[in-house]
Amino acid sequence: MNLKNKTTKTEFRRLLAACDDQNYSHKLWVHHDGEVRFCRIPIGSNIGPHFDAERDGAKFHLEQFIYRGNYTGPIAVKDGPWVARLYNALVKNWANRTTGFVDFF
């Protein structure tokens, strides 16, 4: 999914559903080219070795979604308000040219 193109919640739902909530935590971020990505973070690891905003080219990123919290994966996509909240945060922050960590969304 790329925010430079016209995106839909359906596209975002597919991306969110593909996450493995049972075995990984996830970090949601947007690359400088508009590409929306989730990076997997192994259980019990520190996010530092797995995600570096500058190294990985993040324009902005949201908080880490802890595994088994139903923030990502097939269960998360069934929560319409949650999907809308995340999707709207992505679109809004891209339009506002936000950079760095997005704490409130």
N, C-alpha and C. Protein backbone atom coordinates (compact mmCIF):
# COMPACT_ATOMS: atom_id res chain seq x y z
N MET A 1 0.85 -1.17 0.00
CA MET A 1 0.00 0.00 0.00
C MET A 1 0.90 1.23 0.00
N ASN A 2 0.58 2.18 -0.86
CA ASN A 2 1.40 3.38 -0.94
C ASN A 2 0.50 4.61 -0.83
N LEU A 3 0.84 5.50 0.10
CA LEU A 3 0.02 6.67 0.35
C LEU A 3 0.14 7.73 -0.74
N LYS A 4 1.12 7.60 -1.63
CA LYS A 4 1.20 8.52 -2.77
C LYS A 4 0.08 8.25 -3.76
N ASN A 5 -0.40 7.03 -3.78
CA ASN A 5 -1.49 6.63 -4.66
C ASN A 5 -2.79 6.70 -3.88
N LYS A 6 -3.89 6.69 -4.57
CA LYS A 6 -5.17 6.66 -3.87
C LYS A 6 -5.29 5.30 -3.19
N THR A 7 -5.39 5.30 -1.89
CA THR A 7 -5.47 4.06 -1.12
C THR A 7 -6.88 3.88 -0.56
N THR A 8 -7.14 2.68 -0.11
CA THR A 8 -8.44 2.38 0.48
C THR A 8 -8.25 1.64 1.80
N LYS A 9 -9.28 1.67 2.60
CA LYS A 9 -9.26 0.90 3.85
C LYS A 9 -9.14 -0.59 3.54
N THR A 10 -9.70 -1.01 2.43
CA THR A 10 -9.62 -2.42 2.04
C THR A 10 -8.16 -2.83 1.85
N GLU A 11 -7.38 -2.00 1.20
CA GLU A 11 -5.95 -2.28 1.03
C GLU A 11 -5.27 -2.37 2.39
N PHE A 12 -5.61 -1.43 3.25
CA PHE A 12 -5.00 -1.42 4.58
C PHE A 12 -5.42 -2.66 5.37
N ARG A 13 -6.66 -3.05 5.27
CA ARG A 13 -7.14 -4.27 5.96
C ARG A 13 -6.31 -5.49 5.55
N ARG A 14 -6.02 -5.61 4.25
CA ARG A 14 -5.22 -6.74 3.77
C ARG A 14 -3.83 -6.72 4.39
N LEU A 15 -3.24 -5.55 4.45
CA LEU A 15 -1.90 -5.39 5.03
C LEU A 15 -1.92 -5.75 6.52
N LEU A 16 -2.92 -5.26 7.22
CA LEU A 16 -3.07 -5.53 8.66
C LEU A 16 -3.35 -7.01 8.92
N ALA A 17 -4.19 -7.61 8.10
CA ALA A 17 -4.56 -9.02 8.27
C ALA A 17 -3.37 -9.95 8.06
N ALA A 18 -2.41 -9.54 7.24
CA ALA A 18 -1.25 -10.39 6.93
C ALA A 18 -0.27 -10.48 8.09
N CYS A 19 -0.43 -9.65 9.10
CA CYS A 19 0.48 -9.68 10.25
C CYS A 19 0.19 -10.91 11.13
N ASP A 20 1.24 -11.48 11.67
CA ASP A 20 1.15 -12.66 12.54
C ASP A 20 1.16 -12.20 14.00
N ASP A 21 -0.02 -11.90 14.52
CA ASP A 21 -0.16 -11.38 15.89
C ASP A 21 0.22 -12.40 16.96
N GLN A 22 0.18 -13.66 16.64
CA GLN A 22 0.45 -14.69 17.64
C GLN A 22 1.94 -14.91 17.89
N ASN A 23 2.78 -14.57 16.94
CA ASN A 23 4.21 -14.85 17.07
C ASN A 23 5.13 -13.64 16.99
N TYR A 24 4.57 -12.48 16.68
CA TYR A 24 5.39 -11.28 16.55
C TYR A 24 4.65 -10.05 17.04
N SER A 25 5.39 -9.10 17.58
CA SER A 25 4.90 -7.74 17.74
C SER A 25 5.16 -7.06 16.40
N HIS A 26 4.56 -5.90 16.18
CA HIS A 26 4.73 -5.21 14.90
C HIS A 26 4.91 -3.72 15.09
N LYS A 27 5.61 -3.13 14.15
CA LYS A 27 5.80 -1.69 14.10
C LYS A 27 5.21 -1.22 12.78
N LEU A 28 4.32 -0.24 12.81
CA LEU A 28 3.69 0.32 11.62
C LEU A 28 4.42 1.60 11.26
N TRP A 29 4.90 1.66 10.02
CA TRP A 29 5.65 2.84 9.61
C TRP A 29 5.42 3.15 8.14
N VAL A 30 5.73 4.39 7.78
CA VAL A 30 5.57 4.85 6.41
C VAL A 30 6.93 5.32 5.92
N HIS A 31 7.34 4.76 4.81
CA HIS A 31 8.61 5.10 4.17
C HIS A 31 8.48 6.48 3.51
N HIS A 32 9.60 7.12 3.25
CA HIS A 32 9.59 8.44 2.60
C HIS A 32 8.92 8.41 1.22
N ASP A 33 8.89 7.25 0.58
CA ASP A 33 8.25 7.15 -0.74
C ASP A 33 6.74 6.87 -0.64
N GLY A 34 6.20 6.81 0.60
CA GLY A 34 4.77 6.61 0.81
C GLY A 34 4.36 5.18 1.08
N GLU A 35 5.30 4.25 0.96
CA GLU A 35 4.99 2.84 1.19
C GLU A 35 4.71 2.59 2.67
N VAL A 36 3.58 1.93 2.95
CA VAL A 36 3.18 1.60 4.32
C VAL A 36 3.67 0.19 4.61
N ARG A 37 4.32 0.03 5.75
CA ARG A 37 4.89 -1.28 6.09
C ARG A 37 4.69 -1.61 7.56
N PHE A 38 4.61 -2.90 7.80
CA PHE A 38 4.68 -3.42 9.16
C PHE A 38 5.98 -4.19 9.24
N CYS A 39 6.79 -3.93 10.26
CA CYS A 39 7.96 -4.79 10.45
C CYS A 39 7.65 -5.69 11.64
N ARG A 40 8.09 -6.93 11.52
CA ARG A 40 7.89 -7.91 12.59
C ARG A 40 8.99 -7.79 13.63
N ILE A 41 8.60 -7.92 14.87
CA ILE A 41 9.53 -7.85 15.99
C ILE A 41 9.38 -9.14 16.78
N PRO A 42 10.40 -9.98 16.80
CA PRO A 42 10.29 -11.25 17.53
C PRO A 42 9.95 -11.04 19.01
N ILE A 43 9.16 -11.95 19.54
CA ILE A 43 8.77 -11.89 20.95
C ILE A 43 10.02 -11.89 21.83
N GLY A 44 10.00 -11.02 22.81
CA GLY A 44 11.09 -10.95 23.77
C GLY A 44 12.29 -10.14 23.33
N SER A 45 12.23 -9.59 22.12
CA SER A 45 13.38 -8.81 21.66
C SER A 45 13.13 -7.33 21.91
N ASN A 46 14.21 -6.60 21.93
CA ASN A 46 14.14 -5.16 22.01
C ASN A 46 13.92 -4.66 20.59
N ILE A 47 13.07 -3.65 20.44
CA ILE A 47 12.79 -3.16 19.09
C ILE A 47 14.03 -2.58 18.42
N GLY A 48 14.97 -2.07 19.20
CA GLY A 48 16.15 -1.41 18.64
C GLY A 48 16.84 -2.14 17.52
N PRO A 49 17.20 -3.41 17.68
CA PRO A 49 17.91 -4.10 16.61
C PRO A 49 17.06 -4.37 15.37
N HIS A 50 15.75 -4.24 15.49
CA HIS A 50 14.87 -4.62 14.40
C HIS A 50 14.26 -3.45 13.65
N PHE A 51 14.25 -2.27 14.25
CA PHE A 51 13.69 -1.10 13.59
C PHE A 51 14.49 0.12 13.99
N ASP A 52 14.99 0.79 13.00
CA ASP A 52 15.68 2.04 13.19
C ASP A 52 15.09 3.00 12.16
N ALA A 53 14.35 4.00 12.62
CA ALA A 53 13.60 4.87 11.72
C ALA A 53 14.50 5.49 10.65
N GLU A 54 15.64 5.98 11.05
CA GLU A 54 16.53 6.62 10.08
C GLU A 54 17.11 5.60 9.10
N ARG A 55 17.61 4.50 9.62
CA ARG A 55 18.21 3.47 8.76
C ARG A 55 17.18 2.87 7.81
N ASP A 56 15.98 2.63 8.32
CA ASP A 56 14.96 1.96 7.53
C ASP A 56 14.17 2.93 6.64
N GLY A 57 14.48 4.21 6.70
CA GLY A 57 13.85 5.18 5.80
C GLY A 57 12.44 5.59 6.19
N ALA A 58 12.13 5.55 7.47
CA ALA A 58 10.78 5.90 7.91
C ALA A 58 10.59 7.42 7.89
N LYS A 59 9.51 7.84 7.28
CA LYS A 59 9.10 9.24 7.34
C LYS A 59 8.43 9.46 8.69
N PHE A 60 7.51 8.54 9.03
CA PHE A 60 6.90 8.55 10.36
C PHE A 60 6.51 7.13 10.73
N HIS A 61 6.33 6.92 12.03
CA HIS A 61 5.96 5.59 12.52
C HIS A 61 5.09 5.71 13.74
N LEU A 62 4.27 4.67 13.94
CA LEU A 62 3.39 4.61 15.10
C LEU A 62 4.01 3.68 16.14
N GLU A 63 3.33 3.55 17.24
CA GLU A 63 3.83 2.74 18.33
C GLU A 63 4.00 1.27 17.94
N GLN A 64 4.66 0.54 18.78
CA GLN A 64 4.80 -0.91 18.60
C GLN A 64 3.52 -1.58 19.07
N PHE A 65 3.02 -2.51 18.27
CA PHE A 65 1.82 -3.26 18.63
C PHE A 65 2.26 -4.62 19.16
N ILE A 66 2.03 -4.83 20.42
CA ILE A 66 2.49 -6.01 21.12
C ILE A 66 1.74 -7.27 20.66
N TYR A 67 2.48 -8.35 20.52
CA TYR A 67 1.91 -9.62 20.06
C TYR A 67 0.79 -10.08 21.00
N ARG A 68 -0.14 -10.78 20.42
CA ARG A 68 -1.32 -11.33 21.10
C ARG A 68 -2.22 -10.25 21.72
N GLY A 69 -2.05 -9.03 21.27
CA GLY A 69 -2.90 -7.94 21.75
C GLY A 69 -4.07 -7.68 20.81
N ASN A 70 -4.10 -8.41 19.70
CA ASN A 70 -5.13 -8.25 18.67
C ASN A 70 -5.11 -6.86 18.04
N TYR A 71 -3.93 -6.23 18.00
CA TYR A 71 -3.76 -4.95 17.33
C TYR A 71 -3.47 -5.15 15.85
N THR A 72 -3.00 -6.34 15.50
CA THR A 72 -2.69 -6.69 14.12
C THR A 72 -3.26 -8.09 13.85
N GLY A 73 -3.26 -8.47 12.59
CA GLY A 73 -3.70 -9.81 12.24
C GLY A 73 -5.19 -9.92 11.97
N PRO A 74 -5.65 -11.15 11.74
CA PRO A 74 -7.04 -11.39 11.35
C PRO A 74 -8.09 -10.90 12.34
N ILE A 75 -7.79 -10.97 13.61
CA ILE A 75 -8.77 -10.49 14.61
C ILE A 75 -8.87 -8.97 14.56
N ALA A 76 -7.75 -8.29 14.38
CA ALA A 76 -7.73 -6.82 14.35
C ALA A 76 -8.58 -6.27 13.22
N VAL A 77 -8.58 -6.93 12.06
CA VAL A 77 -9.33 -6.39 10.93
C VAL A 77 -10.85 -6.47 11.14
N LYS A 78 -11.28 -7.25 12.11
CA LYS A 78 -12.71 -7.33 12.42
C LYS A 78 -13.18 -6.15 13.27
N ASP A 79 -12.23 -5.40 13.81
CA ASP A 79 -12.54 -4.24 14.65
C ASP A 79 -12.55 -2.99 13.77
N GLY A 80 -13.73 -2.68 13.23
CA GLY A 80 -13.88 -1.56 12.31
C GLY A 80 -13.36 -0.23 12.83
N PRO A 81 -13.70 0.17 14.07
CA PRO A 81 -13.17 1.44 14.58
C PRO A 81 -11.64 1.45 14.68
N TRP A 82 -11.02 0.31 15.03
CA TRP A 82 -9.57 0.23 15.12
C TRP A 82 -8.93 0.40 13.74
N VAL A 83 -9.49 -0.29 12.75
CA VAL A 83 -8.97 -0.19 11.39
C VAL A 83 -9.09 1.25 10.90
N ALA A 84 -10.24 1.87 11.13
CA ALA A 84 -10.46 3.25 10.70
C ALA A 84 -9.49 4.20 11.40
N ARG A 85 -9.26 3.98 12.67
CA ARG A 85 -8.35 4.83 13.44
C ARG A 85 -6.93 4.77 12.87
N LEU A 86 -6.44 3.56 12.62
CA LEU A 86 -5.10 3.42 12.06
C LEU A 86 -5.01 3.99 10.65
N TYR A 87 -5.97 3.62 9.82
CA TYR A 87 -5.97 4.09 8.43
C TYR A 87 -6.02 5.62 8.37
N ASN A 88 -6.92 6.21 9.14
CA ASN A 88 -7.04 7.68 9.16
C ASN A 88 -5.77 8.33 9.67
N ALA A 89 -5.11 7.72 10.65
CA ALA A 89 -3.85 8.26 11.16
C ALA A 89 -2.78 8.27 10.06
N LEU A 90 -2.73 7.20 9.27
CA LEU A 90 -1.77 7.13 8.18
C LEU A 90 -2.03 8.23 7.15
N VAL A 91 -3.26 8.32 6.70
CA VAL A 91 -3.63 9.29 5.67
C VAL A 91 -3.41 10.72 6.16
N LYS A 92 -3.85 11.00 7.37
CA LYS A 92 -3.73 12.36 7.93
C LYS A 92 -2.26 12.75 8.10
N ASN A 93 -1.46 11.86 8.67
CA ASN A 93 -0.06 12.20 8.91
C ASN A 93 0.72 12.30 7.62
N TRP A 94 0.36 11.53 6.61
CA TRP A 94 1.01 11.66 5.30
C TRP A 94 0.66 13.03 4.69
N ALA A 95 -0.62 13.39 4.74
CA ALA A 95 -1.06 14.67 4.18
C ALA A 95 -0.43 15.86 4.90
N ASN A 96 -0.22 15.71 6.21
CA ASN A 96 0.37 16.79 7.01
C ASN A 96 1.89 16.81 6.97
N ARG A 97 2.47 15.87 6.23
CA ARG A 97 3.93 15.76 6.10
C ARG A 97 4.62 15.55 7.45
N THR A 98 3.97 14.78 8.29
CA THR A 98 4.50 14.45 9.61
C THR A 98 5.80 13.67 9.46
N THR A 99 6.71 13.90 10.38
CA THR A 99 7.94 13.09 10.45
C THR A 99 8.12 12.62 11.88
N GLY A 100 8.82 11.51 12.03
CA GLY A 100 9.14 10.98 13.35
C GLY A 100 8.04 10.10 13.93
N PHE A 101 8.04 10.03 15.24
CA PHE A 101 7.13 9.15 15.98
C PHE A 101 5.78 9.82 16.16
N VAL A 102 4.72 9.13 15.79
CA VAL A 102 3.35 9.61 15.99
C VAL A 102 2.82 8.94 17.25
N ASP A 103 2.70 9.70 18.30
CA ASP A 103 2.31 9.16 19.59
C ASP A 103 0.79 9.14 19.75
N PHE A 104 0.12 10.16 19.28
CA PHE A 104 -1.33 10.25 19.44
C PHE A 104 -2.00 10.17 18.08
N PHE A 105 -2.93 9.24 17.95
CA PHE A 105 -3.64 9.09 16.68
C PHE A 105 -5.05 8.60 16.93
